PDB file of N, CA and C in Angstrom:
ATOM      1  N   MET A   1     168.417 198.008 -27.391  1.00  0.00           N
ATOM      2  CA  MET A   1     167.618 197.417 -28.425  1.00  0.00           C
ATOM      3  C   MET A   1     168.528 196.573 -29.325  1.00  0.00           C
ATOM      4  N   ILE A   2     168.005 195.522 -29.860  1.00  0.00           N
ATOM      5  CA  ILE A   2     168.765 194.611 -30.692  1.00  0.00           C
ATOM      6  C   ILE A   2     168.947 195.217 -32.082  1.00  0.00           C
ATOM      7  N   GLN A   3     170.180 195.193 -32.566  1.00  0.00           N
ATOM      8  CA  GLN A   3     170.462 195.692 -33.909  1.00  0.00           C
ATOM      9  C   GLN A   3     170.053 194.642 -34.926  1.00  0.00           C
ATOM     10  N   ASN A   4     169.309 195.058 -35.942  1.00  0.00           N
ATOM     11  CA  ASN A   4     168.860 194.113 -36.958  1.00  0.00           C
ATOM     12  C   ASN A   4     169.089 194.620 -38.382  1.00  0.00           C
ATOM     13  N   VAL A   5     169.919 195.636 -38.529  1.00  0.00           N
ATOM     14  CA  VAL A   5     170.236 196.191 -39.850  1.00  0.00           C
ATOM     15  C   VAL A   5     171.726 195.975 -40.097  1.00  0.00           C
ATOM     16  N   GLY A   6     172.041 195.198 -41.128  1.00  0.00           N
ATOM     17  CA  GLY A   6     173.423 194.882 -41.463  1.00  0.00           C
ATOM     18  C   GLY A   6     174.118 196.018 -42.194  1.00  0.00           C
ATOM     19  N   THR A   7     175.378 195.800 -42.512  1.00  0.00           N
ATOM     20  CA  THR A   7     176.218 196.843 -43.101  1.00  0.00           C
ATOM     21  C   THR A   7     175.716 197.315 -44.467  1.00  0.00           C
ATOM     22  N   VAL A   8     175.458 196.392 -45.371  1.00  0.00           N
ATOM     23  CA  VAL A   8     175.007 196.783 -46.716  1.00  0.00           C
ATOM     24  C   VAL A   8     173.645 197.460 -46.632  1.00  0.00           C
ATOM     25  N   ASP A   9     172.740 196.884 -45.858  1.00  0.00           N
ATOM     26  CA  ASP A   9     171.404 197.464 -45.657  1.00  0.00           C
ATOM     27  C   ASP A   9     171.529 198.862 -45.056  1.00  0.00           C
ATOM     28  N   ARG A  10     172.444 199.013 -44.131  1.00  0.00           N
ATOM     29  CA  ARG A  10     172.656 200.300 -43.458  1.00  0.00           C
ATOM     30  C   ARG A  10     173.117 201.370 -44.447  1.00  0.00           C
ATOM     31  N   VAL A  11     174.093 201.031 -45.286  1.00  0.00           N
ATOM     32  CA  VAL A  11     174.622 201.984 -46.263  1.00  0.00           C
ATOM     33  C   VAL A  11     173.530 202.401 -47.241  1.00  0.00           C
ATOM     34  N   ILE A  12     172.756 201.432 -47.718  1.00  0.00           N
ATOM     35  CA  ILE A  12     171.673 201.738 -48.662  1.00  0.00           C
ATOM     36  C   ILE A  12     170.642 202.658 -48.014  1.00  0.00           C
ATOM     37  N   ARG A  13     170.270 202.374 -46.771  1.00  0.00           N
ATOM     38  CA  ARG A  13     169.284 203.211 -46.069  1.00  0.00           C
ATOM     39  C   ARG A  13     169.791 204.638 -45.887  1.00  0.00           C
ATOM     40  N   ILE A  14     171.043 204.785 -45.479  1.00  0.00           N
ATOM     41  CA  ILE A  14     171.605 206.118 -45.243  1.00  0.00           C
ATOM     42  C   ILE A  14     171.676 206.904 -46.553  1.00  0.00           C
ATOM     43  N   LEU A  15     172.160 206.260 -47.618  1.00  0.00           N
ATOM     44  CA  LEU A  15     172.245 206.952 -48.908  1.00  0.00           C
ATOM     45  C   LEU A  15     170.866 207.331 -49.443  1.00  0.00           C
ATOM     46  N   ALA A  16     169.900 206.428 -49.318  1.00  0.00           N
ATOM     47  CA  ALA A  16     168.543 206.720 -49.790  1.00  0.00           C
ATOM     48  C   ALA A  16     167.917 207.859 -48.988  1.00  0.00           C
ATOM     49  N   GLY A  17     168.118 207.837 -47.680  1.00  0.00           N
ATOM     50  CA  GLY A  17     167.564 208.890 -46.828  1.00  0.00           C
ATOM     51  C   GLY A  17     168.150 210.251 -47.151  1.00  0.00           C
ATOM     52  N   VAL A  18     169.476 210.302 -47.289  1.00  0.00           N
ATOM     53  CA  VAL A  18     170.140 211.567 -47.616  1.00  0.00           C
ATOM     54  C   VAL A  18     169.711 212.046 -49.001  1.00  0.00           C
ATOM     55  N   ALA A  19     169.592 211.132 -49.961  1.00  0.00           N
ATOM     56  CA  ALA A  19     169.177 211.515 -51.317  1.00  0.00           C
ATOM     57  C   ALA A  19     167.767 212.090 -51.322  1.00  0.00           C
ATOM     58  N   LEU A  20     166.853 211.459 -50.602  1.00  0.00           N
ATOM     59  CA  LEU A  20     165.477 211.972 -50.554  1.00  0.00           C
ATOM     60  C   LEU A  20     165.413 213.353 -49.903  1.00  0.00           C
ATOM     61  N   ILE A  21     166.115 213.515 -48.807  1.00  0.00           N
ATOM     62  CA  ILE A  21     166.112 214.810 -48.112  1.00  0.00           C
ATOM     63  C   ILE A  21     166.746 215.888 -49.000  1.00  0.00           C
ATOM     64  N   ALA A  22     167.871 215.558 -49.627  1.00  0.00           N
ATOM     65  CA  ALA A  22     168.546 216.525 -50.504  1.00  0.00           C
ATOM     66  C   ALA A  22     167.658 216.908 -51.690  1.00  0.00           C
ATOM     67  N   ALA A  23     166.980 215.934 -52.281  1.00  0.00           N
ATOM     68  CA  ALA A  23     166.089 216.215 -53.409  1.00  0.00           C
ATOM     69  C   ALA A  23     164.945 217.128 -52.981  1.00  0.00           C
ATOM     70  N   SER A  24     164.462 216.942 -51.772  1.00  0.00           N
ATOM     71  CA  SER A  24     163.390 217.788 -51.265  1.00  0.00           C
ATOM     72  C   SER A  24     163.887 219.212 -51.003  1.00  0.00           C
ATOM     73  N   VAL A  25     165.054 219.313 -50.401  1.00  0.00           N
ATOM     74  CA  VAL A  25     165.622 220.633 -50.100  1.00  0.00           C
ATOM     75  C   VAL A  25     165.926 221.398 -51.387  1.00  0.00           C
ATOM     76  N   LEU A  26     166.426 220.688 -52.387  1.00  0.00           N
ATOM     77  CA  LEU A  26     166.778 221.336 -53.652  1.00  0.00           C
ATOM     78  C   LEU A  26     165.580 221.593 -54.559  1.00  0.00           C
ATOM     79  N   GLY A  27     164.408 221.115 -54.179  1.00  0.00           N
ATOM     80  CA  GLY A  27     163.201 221.391 -54.918  1.00  0.00           C
ATOM     81  C   GLY A  27     162.900 220.429 -56.054  1.00  0.00           C
ATOM     82  N   TYR A  28     163.643 219.328 -56.141  1.00  0.00           N
ATOM     83  CA  TYR A  28     163.379 218.345 -57.198  1.00  0.00           C
ATOM     84  C   TYR A  28     162.109 217.556 -56.938  1.00  0.00           C
ATOM     85  N   ILE A  29     161.804 217.329 -55.682  1.00  0.00           N
ATOM     86  CA  ILE A  29     160.584 216.620 -55.300  1.00  0.00           C
ATOM     87  C   ILE A  29     159.886 217.429 -54.226  1.00  0.00           C
ATOM     88  N   GLY A  30     158.679 217.070 -53.933  1.00  0.00           N
ATOM     89  CA  GLY A  30     157.904 217.810 -52.940  1.00  0.00           C
ATOM     90  C   GLY A  30     158.330 217.509 -51.512  1.00  0.00           C
ATOM     91  N   ALA A  31     157.470 217.905 -50.616  1.00  0.00           N
ATOM     92  CA  ALA A  31     157.749 217.755 -49.189  1.00  0.00           C
ATOM     93  C   ALA A  31     157.809 216.304 -48.743  1.00  0.00           C
ATOM     94  N   TRP A  32     157.267 215.383 -49.562  1.00  0.00           N
ATOM     95  CA  TRP A  32     157.304 213.978 -49.172  1.00  0.00           C
ATOM     96  C   TRP A  32     158.736 213.450 -49.102  1.00  0.00           C
ATOM     97  N   GLY A  33     159.672 214.149 -49.682  1.00  0.00           N
ATOM     98  CA  GLY A  33     161.079 213.756 -49.619  1.00  0.00           C
ATOM     99  C   GLY A  33     161.628 213.757 -48.203  1.00  0.00           C
ATOM    100  N   TRP A  34     160.956 214.507 -47.319  1.00  0.00           N
ATOM    101  CA  TRP A  34     161.379 214.519 -45.919  1.00  0.00           C
ATOM    102  C   TRP A  34     161.130 213.184 -45.236  1.00  0.00           C
ATOM    103  N   LEU A  35     160.384 212.294 -45.896  1.00  0.00           N
ATOM    104  CA  LEU A  35     160.245 210.935 -45.368  1.00  0.00           C
ATOM    105  C   LEU A  35     161.579 210.201 -45.398  1.00  0.00           C
ATOM    106  N   GLY A  36     162.563 210.758 -46.048  1.00  0.00           N
ATOM    107  CA  GLY A  36     163.915 210.202 -46.053  1.00  0.00           C
ATOM    108  C   GLY A  36     164.526 210.162 -44.666  1.00  0.00           C
ATOM    109  N   VAL A  37     163.920 210.886 -43.736  1.00  0.00           N
ATOM    110  CA  VAL A  37     164.387 210.854 -42.346  1.00  0.00           C
ATOM    111  C   VAL A  37     164.239 209.441 -41.768  1.00  0.00           C
ATOM    112  N   ILE A  38     163.226 208.707 -42.220  1.00  0.00           N
ATOM    113  CA  ILE A  38     162.976 207.367 -41.686  1.00  0.00           C
ATOM    114  C   ILE A  38     164.100 206.396 -42.063  1.00  0.00           C
ATOM    115  N   PRO A  39     164.434 206.226 -43.347  1.00  0.00           N
ATOM    116  CA  PRO A  39     165.547 205.319 -43.641  1.00  0.00           C
ATOM    117  C   PRO A  39     166.878 205.830 -43.090  1.00  0.00           C
ATOM    118  N   LEU A  40     167.044 207.145 -43.032  1.00  0.00           N
ATOM    119  CA  LEU A  40     168.266 207.700 -42.468  1.00  0.00           C
ATOM    120  C   LEU A  40     168.393 207.322 -40.991  1.00  0.00           C
ATOM    121  N   ALA A  41     167.326 207.483 -40.231  1.00  0.00           N
ATOM    122  CA  ALA A  41     167.347 207.153 -38.805  1.00  0.00           C
ATOM    123  C   ALA A  41     167.553 205.656 -38.571  1.00  0.00           C
ATOM    124  N   THR A  42     166.854 204.819 -39.351  1.00  0.00           N
ATOM    125  CA  THR A  42     167.005 203.377 -39.158  1.00  0.00           C
ATOM    126  C   THR A  42     168.407 202.924 -39.550  1.00  0.00           C
ATOM    127  N   GLY A  43     169.010 203.583 -40.512  1.00  0.00           N
ATOM    128  CA  GLY A  43     170.380 203.252 -40.890  1.00  0.00           C
ATOM    129  C   GLY A  43     171.379 203.675 -39.834  1.00  0.00           C
ATOM    130  N   LEU A  44     171.189 204.852 -39.289  1.00  0.00           N
ATOM    131  CA  LEU A  44     172.108 205.340 -38.262  1.00  0.00           C
ATOM    132  C   LEU A  44     171.968 204.578 -36.944  1.00  0.00           C
ATOM    133  N   LEU A  45     170.744 204.242 -36.596  1.00  0.00           N
ATOM    134  CA  LEU A  45     170.499 203.531 -35.329  1.00  0.00           C
ATOM    135  C   LEU A  45     170.658 202.017 -35.453  1.00  0.00           C
ATOM    136  N   ARG A  46     170.709 201.513 -36.691  1.00  0.00           N
ATOM    137  CA  ARG A  46     170.855 200.082 -36.988  1.00  0.00           C
ATOM    138  C   ARG A  46     169.699 199.239 -36.458  1.00  0.00           C
ATOM    139  N   VAL A  47     168.520 199.857 -36.349  1.00  0.00           N
ATOM    140  CA  VAL A  47     167.325 199.141 -35.889  1.00  0.00           C
ATOM    141  C   VAL A  47     166.174 199.493 -36.815  1.00  0.00           C
ATOM    142  N   CYS A  48     165.522 198.471 -37.360  1.00  0.00           N
ATOM    143  CA  CYS A  48     164.353 198.674 -38.203  1.00  0.00           C
ATOM    144  C   CYS A  48     163.142 198.075 -37.491  1.00  0.00           C
ATOM    145  N   PRO A  49     162.220 198.920 -37.016  1.00  0.00           N
ATOM    146  CA  PRO A  49     161.044 198.409 -36.315  1.00  0.00           C
ATOM    147  C   PRO A  49     160.179 197.499 -37.181  1.00  0.00           C
ATOM    148  N   ALA A  50     160.197 197.678 -38.504  1.00  0.00           N
ATOM    149  CA  ALA A  50     159.399 196.833 -39.392  1.00  0.00           C
ATOM    150  C   ALA A  50     159.942 195.405 -39.442  1.00  0.00           C
ATOM    151  N   TYR A  51     161.214 195.206 -39.153  1.00  0.00           N
ATOM    152  CA  TYR A  51     161.805 193.869 -39.141  1.00  0.00           C
ATOM    153  C   TYR A  51     161.415 193.083 -37.894  1.00  0.00           C
ATOM    154  N   LEU A  52     161.167 193.776 -36.797  1.00  0.00           N
ATOM    155  CA  LEU A  52     160.944 193.116 -35.507  1.00  0.00           C
ATOM    156  C   LEU A  52     159.788 192.115 -35.487  1.00  0.00           C
ATOM    157  N   PRO A  53     158.576 192.442 -35.969  1.00  0.00           N
ATOM    158  CA  PRO A  53     157.483 191.475 -35.884  1.00  0.00           C
ATOM    159  C   PRO A  53     157.728 190.198 -36.693  1.00  0.00           C
ATOM    160  N   PHE A  54     158.569 190.302 -37.717  1.00  0.00           N
ATOM    161  CA  PHE A  54     158.831 189.160 -38.576  1.00  0.00           C
ATOM    162  C   PHE A  54     160.108 188.415 -38.194  1.00  0.00           C
ATOM    163  N   GLY A  55     160.838 188.941 -37.233  1.00  0.00           N
ATOM    164  CA  GLY A  55     162.078 188.316 -36.804  1.00  0.00           C
ATOM    165  C   GLY A  55     163.188 188.398 -37.835  1.00  0.00           C
ATOM    166  N   LEU A  56     163.118 189.385 -38.720  1.00  0.00           N
ATOM    167  CA  LEU A  56     164.119 189.536 -39.772  1.00  0.00           C
ATOM    168  C   LEU A  56     165.350 190.267 -39.255  1.00  0.00           C
ATOM    169  N   SER A  57     166.470 189.983 -39.869  1.00  0.00           N
ATOM    170  CA  SER A  57     167.712 190.665 -39.556  1.00  0.00           C
ATOM    171  C   SER A  57     168.633 190.548 -40.756  1.00  0.00           C
ATOM    172  N   THR A  58     169.306 191.636 -41.104  1.00  0.00           N
ATOM    173  CA  THR A  58     170.273 191.591 -42.187  1.00  0.00           C
ATOM    174  C   THR A  58     171.688 191.633 -41.628  1.00  0.00           C
ATOM    175  N   CYS A  59     171.818 191.538 -40.319  1.00  0.00           N
ATOM    176  CA  CYS A  59     173.135 191.485 -39.686  1.00  0.00           C
ATOM    177  C   CYS A  59     173.756 190.127 -39.963  1.00  0.00           C
ATOM    178  N   SER A  60     175.069 190.121 -40.052  1.00  0.00           N
ATOM    179  CA  SER A  60     175.734 188.837 -40.258  1.00  0.00           C
ATOM    180  C   SER A  60     175.599 187.986 -38.998  1.00  0.00           C
ATOM    181  N   ALA A  61     175.544 186.680 -39.193  1.00  0.00           N
ATOM    182  CA  ALA A  61     175.402 185.747 -38.079  1.00  0.00           C
ATOM    183  C   ALA A  61     176.677 185.770 -37.245  1.00  0.00           C
ATOM    184  N   LYS A  62     176.516 185.895 -35.962  1.00  0.00           N
ATOM    185  CA  LYS A  62     177.662 185.913 -35.053  1.00  0.00           C
ATOM    186  C   LYS A  62     177.818 184.510 -34.468  1.00  0.00           C
ATOM    187  N   THR A  63     179.046 184.072 -34.474  1.00  0.00           N
ATOM    188  CA  THR A  63     179.305 182.754 -33.916  1.00  0.00           C
ATOM    189  C   THR A  63     179.488 182.869 -32.415  1.00  0.00           C
ATOM    190  N   VAL A  64     178.969 181.913 -31.722  1.00  0.00           N
ATOM    191  CA  VAL A  64     179.087 181.892 -30.267  1.00  0.00           C
ATOM    192  C   VAL A  64     180.138 180.868 -29.905  1.00  0.00           C
ATOM    193  N   ASN A  65     181.143 181.313 -29.166  1.00  0.00           N
ATOM    194  CA  ASN A  65     182.202 180.394 -28.759  1.00  0.00           C
ATOM    195  C   ASN A  65     181.706 179.540 -27.608  1.00  0.00           C
ATOM    196  N   ALA A  66     181.717 178.240 -27.815  1.00  0.00           N
ATOM    197  CA  ALA A  66     181.279 177.309 -26.776  1.00  0.00           C
ATOM    198  C   ALA A  66     182.367 177.186 -25.731  1.00  0.00           C
ATOM    199  N   LYS A  67     181.977 177.207 -24.489  1.00  0.00           N
ATOM    200  CA  LYS A  67     182.949 177.043 -23.408  1.00  0.00           C
ATOM    201  C   LYS A  67     183.198 175.563 -23.202  1.00  0.00           C
ATOM    202  N   PRO A  68     184.458 175.192 -23.001  1.00  0.00           N
ATOM    203  CA  PRO A  68     184.748 173.758 -22.796  1.00  0.00           C
ATOM    204  C   PRO A  68     184.227 173.232 -21.490  1.00  0.00           C
TER     205      PRO A  68
END
């Protein structure tokens, strides 16, 4: 699958996912905090299915070396 989550986006997703899960486990928020699994998974896998239909990507542009 094509990676479409860049480094900064990835870090934010992982931190947000872990924070939501931790808040749920510690009892600060309800069970909806387990939805943090979604940003955590998309950050770890570097693929966001919501980006695909729109052709979005936060990955840096890769240069293609032209062959002479």
